[in-house]
């Protein structure tokens, strides 16, 4: 249940970001529907990498 909630939150964040990019919004949302799992996995990897870099600076 918790994994499902975390996944839905991440999906919401991705959709919010796509909505903030008017030039990519339509194409991005279509691609997100088609490749949702891949995009979510890549997003998790990017977040992990960013956090590791941030933590290493401090």
PDB file of N, CA and C in Angstrom:
ATOM      1  N   UNK A   1       0.819  -1.189   0.000  1.00  0.00           N
ATOM      2  CA  UNK A   1       0.000   0.000   0.000  1.00  0.00           C
ATOM      3  C   UNK A   1       0.865   1.256   0.000  1.00  0.00           C
ATOM      4  N   UNK A   2       1.918   1.247   0.809  1.00  0.00           N
ATOM      5  CA  UNK A   2       2.781   2.418   0.892  1.00  0.00           C
ATOM      6  C   UNK A   2       3.515   2.638  -0.432  1.00  0.00           C
ATOM      7  N   UNK A   3       3.958   1.556  -1.070  1.00  0.00           N
ATOM      8  CA  UNK A   3       4.624   1.696  -2.372  1.00  0.00           C
ATOM      9  C   UNK A   3       3.679   2.322  -3.388  1.00  0.00           C
ATOM     10  N   UNK A   4       2.423   1.936  -3.361  1.00  0.00           N
ATOM     11  CA  UNK A   4       1.435   2.475  -4.285  1.00  0.00           C
ATOM     12  C   UNK A   4       1.261   3.981  -4.059  1.00  0.00           C
ATOM     13  N   UNK A   5       1.206   4.393  -2.804  1.00  0.00           N
ATOM     14  CA  UNK A   5       1.053   5.809  -2.474  1.00  0.00           C
ATOM     15  C   UNK A   5       2.276   6.593  -2.929  1.00  0.00           C
ATOM     16  N   UNK A   6       3.458   6.063  -2.664  1.00  0.00           N
ATOM     17  CA  UNK A   6       4.694   6.743  -3.092  1.00  0.00           C
ATOM     18  C   UNK A   6       4.743   6.865  -4.611  1.00  0.00           C
ATOM     19  N   UNK A   7       4.316   5.816  -5.307  1.00  0.00           N
ATOM     20  CA  UNK A   7       4.310   5.844  -6.763  1.00  0.00           C
ATOM     21  C   UNK A   7       3.333   6.908  -7.267  1.00  0.00           C
ATOM     22  N   UNK A   8       2.166   7.007  -6.666  1.00  0.00           N
ATOM     23  CA  UNK A   8       1.169   8.006  -7.068  1.00  0.00           C
ATOM     24  C   UNK A   8       1.681   9.420  -6.813  1.00  0.00           C
ATOM     25  N   UNK A   9       2.397   9.611  -5.697  1.00  0.00           N
ATOM     26  CA  UNK A   9       2.973  10.928  -5.411  1.00  0.00           C
ATOM     27  C   UNK A   9       4.006  11.284  -6.469  1.00  0.00           C
ATOM     28  N   UNK A  10       4.865  10.348  -6.815  1.00  0.00           N
ATOM     29  CA  UNK A  10       5.885  10.592  -7.832  1.00  0.00           C
ATOM     30  C   UNK A  10       5.237  10.877  -9.185  1.00  0.00           C
ATOM     31  N   UNK A  11       4.185  10.139  -9.532  1.00  0.00           N
ATOM     32  CA  UNK A  11       3.456  10.392 -10.771  1.00  0.00           C
ATOM     33  C   UNK A  11       2.897  11.818 -10.770  1.00  0.00           C
ATOM     34  N   UNK A  12       2.358  12.246  -9.644  1.00  0.00           N
ATOM     35  CA  UNK A  12       1.811  13.596  -9.527  1.00  0.00           C
ATOM     36  C   UNK A  12       2.885  14.656  -9.712  1.00  0.00           C
ATOM     37  N   UNK A  13       4.054  14.431  -9.132  1.00  0.00           N
ATOM     38  CA  UNK A  13       5.164  15.376  -9.272  1.00  0.00           C
ATOM     39  C   UNK A  13       5.594  15.469 -10.731  1.00  0.00           C
ATOM     40  N   UNK A  14       5.709  14.334 -11.403  1.00  0.00           N
ATOM     41  CA  UNK A  14       6.107  14.326 -12.814  1.00  0.00           C
ATOM     42  C   UNK A  14       5.083  15.065 -13.659  1.00  0.00           C
ATOM     43  N   UNK A  15       3.807  14.821 -13.424  1.00  0.00           N
ATOM     44  CA  UNK A  15       2.761  15.507 -14.179  1.00  0.00           C
ATOM     45  C   UNK A  15       2.784  17.010 -13.924  1.00  0.00           C
ATOM     46  N   UNK A  16       3.023  17.419 -12.679  1.00  0.00           N
ATOM     47  CA  UNK A  16       3.126  18.846 -12.366  1.00  0.00           C
ATOM     48  C   UNK A  16       4.274  19.496 -13.125  1.00  0.00           C
ATOM     49  N   UNK A  17       5.403  18.818 -13.170  1.00  0.00           N
ATOM     50  CA  UNK A  17       6.554  19.351 -13.893  1.00  0.00           C
ATOM     51  C   UNK A  17       6.247  19.466 -15.381  1.00  0.00           C
ATOM     52  N   UNK A  18       5.626  18.442 -15.949  1.00  0.00           N
ATOM     53  CA  UNK A  18       5.266  18.492 -17.369  1.00  0.00           C
ATOM     54  C   UNK A  18       4.283  19.627 -17.654  1.00  0.00           C
ATOM     55  N   UNK A  19       3.358  19.878 -16.742  1.00  0.00           N
ATOM     56  CA  UNK A  19       2.398  20.960 -16.932  1.00  0.00           C
ATOM     57  C   UNK A  19       3.061  22.332 -16.868  1.00  0.00           C
ATOM     58  N   UNK A  20       4.208  22.433 -16.220  1.00  0.00           N
ATOM     59  CA  UNK A  20       4.926  23.692 -16.111  1.00  0.00           C
ATOM     60  C   UNK A  20       5.810  23.968 -17.329  1.00  0.00           C
ATOM     61  N   UNK A  21       5.892  23.017 -18.228  1.00  0.00           N
ATOM     62  CA  UNK A  21       6.706  23.170 -19.437  1.00  0.00           C
ATOM     63  C   UNK A  21       5.791  23.249 -20.651  1.00  0.00           C
ATOM     64  N   UNK A  22       5.288  24.435 -20.966  1.00  0.00           N
ATOM     65  CA  UNK A  22       4.280  24.553 -22.022  1.00  0.00           C
ATOM     66  C   UNK A  22       4.723  23.985 -23.378  1.00  0.00           C
ATOM     67  N   UNK A  23       5.995  24.117 -23.710  1.00  0.00           N
ATOM     68  CA  UNK A  23       6.460  23.626 -25.007  1.00  0.00           C
ATOM     69  C   UNK A  23       6.526  22.105 -25.069  1.00  0.00           C
ATOM     70  N   UNK A  24       6.537  21.443 -23.920  1.00  0.00           N
ATOM     71  CA  UNK A  24       6.631  19.981 -23.881  1.00  0.00           C
ATOM     72  C   UNK A  24       5.414  19.316 -23.253  1.00  0.00           C
ATOM     73  N   UNK A  25       4.480  20.124 -22.777  1.00  0.00           N
ATOM     74  CA  UNK A  25       3.362  19.607 -21.994  1.00  0.00           C
ATOM     75  C   UNK A  25       2.589  18.506 -22.726  1.00  0.00           C
ATOM     76  N   UNK A  26       2.107  18.793 -23.911  1.00  0.00           N
ATOM     77  CA  UNK A  26       1.268  17.824 -24.632  1.00  0.00           C
ATOM     78  C   UNK A  26       2.042  16.554 -24.973  1.00  0.00           C
ATOM     79  N   UNK A  27       3.196  16.726 -25.580  1.00  0.00           N
ATOM     80  CA  UNK A  27       3.996  15.573 -25.975  1.00  0.00           C
ATOM     81  C   UNK A  27       4.476  14.800 -24.741  1.00  0.00           C
ATOM     82  N   UNK A  28       4.854  15.534 -23.691  1.00  0.00           N
ATOM     83  CA  UNK A  28       5.342  14.899 -22.477  1.00  0.00           C
ATOM     84  C   UNK A  28       4.279  14.071 -21.785  1.00  0.00           C
ATOM     85  N   UNK A  29       3.054  14.579 -21.726  1.00  0.00           N
ATOM     86  CA  UNK A  29       1.973  13.834 -21.080  1.00  0.00           C
ATOM     87  C   UNK A  29       1.615  12.575 -21.865  1.00  0.00           C
ATOM     88  N   UNK A  30       1.646  12.669 -23.193  1.00  0.00           N
ATOM     89  CA  UNK A  30       1.379  11.485 -24.028  1.00  0.00           C
ATOM     90  C   UNK A  30       2.475  10.437 -23.800  1.00  0.00           C
ATOM     91  N   UNK A  31       3.723  10.890 -23.808  1.00  0.00           N
ATOM     92  CA  UNK A  31       4.840   9.978 -23.597  1.00  0.00           C
ATOM     93  C   UNK A  31       4.789   9.378 -22.192  1.00  0.00           C
ATOM     94  N   UNK A  32       4.391  10.181 -21.213  1.00  0.00           N
ATOM     95  CA  UNK A  32       4.288   9.683 -19.839  1.00  0.00           C
ATOM     96  C   UNK A  32       3.259   8.564 -19.747  1.00  0.00           C
ATOM     97  N   UNK A  33       2.140   8.712 -20.436  1.00  0.00           N
ATOM     98  CA  UNK A  33       1.118   7.656 -20.421  1.00  0.00           C
ATOM     99  C   UNK A  33       1.644   6.367 -21.044  1.00  0.00           C
ATOM    100  N   UNK A  34       2.442   6.522 -22.110  1.00  0.00           N
ATOM    101  CA  UNK A  34       2.952   5.345 -22.817  1.00  0.00           C
ATOM    102  C   UNK A  34       4.099   4.660 -22.077  1.00  0.00           C
ATOM    103  N   UNK A  35       4.953   5.435 -21.457  1.00  0.00           N
ATOM    104  CA  UNK A  35       6.175   4.895 -20.848  1.00  0.00           C
ATOM    105  C   UNK A  35       6.270   5.219 -19.360  1.00  0.00           C
ATOM    106  N   UNK A  36       5.147   5.174 -18.668  1.00  0.00           N
ATOM    107  CA  UNK A  36       5.063   5.593 -17.268  1.00  0.00           C
ATOM    108  C   UNK A  36       6.083   4.887 -16.380  1.00  0.00           C
ATOM    109  N   UNK A  37       6.174   3.588 -16.456  1.00  0.00           N
ATOM    110  CA  UNK A  37       7.063   2.826 -15.572  1.00  0.00           C
ATOM    111  C   UNK A  37       8.532   3.198 -15.793  1.00  0.00           C
ATOM    112  N   UNK A  38       8.923   3.344 -17.046  1.00  0.00           N
ATOM    113  CA  UNK A  38      10.307   3.708 -17.358  1.00  0.00           C
ATOM    114  C   UNK A  38      10.621   5.112 -16.837  1.00  0.00           C
ATOM    115  N   UNK A  39       9.720   6.043 -17.037  1.00  0.00           N
ATOM    116  CA  UNK A  39       9.930   7.417 -16.581  1.00  0.00           C
ATOM    117  C   UNK A  39      10.006   7.466 -15.060  1.00  0.00           C
ATOM    118  N   UNK A  40       9.158   6.734 -14.388  1.00  0.00           N
ATOM    119  CA  UNK A  40       9.186   6.703 -12.922  1.00  0.00           C
ATOM    120  C   UNK A  40      10.509   6.124 -12.430  1.00  0.00           C
ATOM    121  N   UNK A  41      10.963   5.052 -13.041  1.00  0.00           N
ATOM    122  CA  UNK A  41      12.228   4.441 -12.625  1.00  0.00           C
ATOM    123  C   UNK A  41      13.401   5.396 -12.853  1.00  0.00           C
ATOM    124  N   UNK A  42      13.427   6.059 -14.010  1.00  0.00           N
ATOM    125  CA  UNK A  42      14.493   7.024 -14.305  1.00  0.00           C
ATOM    126  C   UNK A  42      14.424   8.209 -13.346  1.00  0.00           C
ATOM    127  N   UNK A  43      13.235   8.617 -12.970  1.00  0.00           N
ATOM    128  CA  UNK A  43      13.064   9.725 -12.029  1.00  0.00           C
ATOM    129  C   UNK A  43      13.613   9.349 -10.657  1.00  0.00           C
ATOM    130  N   UNK A  44      13.340   8.132 -10.230  1.00  0.00           N
ATOM    131  CA  UNK A  44      13.869   7.658  -8.946  1.00  0.00           C
ATOM    132  C   UNK A  44      15.398   7.671  -8.963  1.00  0.00           C
ATOM    133  N   UNK A  45      15.991   7.203 -10.055  1.00  0.00           N
ATOM    134  CA  UNK A  45      17.448   7.192 -10.179  1.00  0.00           C
ATOM    135  C   UNK A  45      18.011   8.615 -10.139  1.00  0.00           C
ATOM    136  N   UNK A  46      17.356   9.543 -10.830  1.00  0.00           N
ATOM    137  CA  UNK A  46      17.822  10.934 -10.859  1.00  0.00           C
ATOM    138  C   UNK A  46      17.710  11.580  -9.481  1.00  0.00           C
ATOM    139  N   UNK A  47      16.629  11.294  -8.773  1.00  0.00           N
ATOM    140  CA  UNK A  47      16.454  11.836  -7.419  1.00  0.00           C
ATOM    141  C   UNK A  47      17.529  11.275  -6.496  1.00  0.00           C
ATOM    142  N   UNK A  48      17.778   9.982  -6.579  1.00  0.00           N
ATOM    143  CA  UNK A  48      18.801   9.345  -5.747  1.00  0.00           C
ATOM    144  C   UNK A  48      20.170   9.955  -6.024  1.00  0.00           C
ATOM    145  N   UNK A  49      20.505  10.121  -7.292  1.00  0.00           N
ATOM    146  CA  UNK A  49      21.800  10.694  -7.677  1.00  0.00           C
ATOM    147  C   UNK A  49      21.920  12.128  -7.157  1.00  0.00           C
ATOM    148  N   UNK A  50      20.869  12.923  -7.313  1.00  0.00           N
ATOM    149  CA  UNK A  50      20.883  14.306  -6.864  1.00  0.00           C
ATOM    150  C   UNK A  50      21.051  14.387  -5.349  1.00  0.00           C
ATOM    151  N   UNK A  51      20.346  13.535  -4.625  1.00  0.00           N
ATOM    152  CA  UNK A  51      20.487  13.517  -3.160  1.00  0.00           C
ATOM    153  C   UNK A  51      21.884  13.120  -2.723  1.00  0.00           C
ATOM    154  N   UNK A  52      22.453  12.134  -3.378  1.00  0.00           N
ATOM    155  CA  UNK A  52      23.817  11.701  -3.034  1.00  0.00           C
ATOM    156  C   UNK A  52      24.814  12.839  -3.257  1.00  0.00           C
ATOM    157  N   UNK A  53      24.695  13.547  -4.385  1.00  0.00           N
ATOM    158  CA  UNK A  53      25.574  14.672  -4.676  1.00  0.00           C
ATOM    159  C   UNK A  53      25.391  15.781  -3.652  1.00  0.00           C
ATOM    160  N   UNK A  54      24.162  16.064  -3.280  1.00  0.00           N
ATOM    161  CA  UNK A  54      23.866  17.101  -2.305  1.00  0.00           C
ATOM    162  C   UNK A  54      24.444  16.748  -0.940  1.00  0.00           C
ATOM    163  N   UNK A  55      24.273  15.502  -0.529  1.00  0.00           N
ATOM    164  CA  UNK A  55      24.765  15.061   0.774  1.00  0.00           C
ATOM    165  C   UNK A  55      26.296  15.088   0.818  1.00  0.00           C
ATOM    166  N   UNK A  56      26.916  14.697  -0.284  1.00  0.00           N
ATOM    167  CA  UNK A  56      28.383  14.683  -0.328  1.00  0.00           C
ATOM    168  C   UNK A  56      28.976  16.083  -0.216  1.00  0.00           C
ATOM    169  N   UNK A  57      28.244  17.097  -0.665  1.00  0.00           N
ATOM    170  CA  UNK A  57      28.732  18.479  -0.565  1.00  0.00           C
ATOM    171  C   UNK A  57      28.786  18.939   0.883  1.00  0.00           C
ATOM    172  N   UNK A  58      27.925  18.386   1.722  1.00  0.00           N
ATOM    173  CA  UNK A  58      27.882  18.790   3.120  1.00  0.00           C
ATOM    174  C   UNK A  58      28.462  17.707   3.950  1.00  0.00           C
TER     175      UNK A  58
END
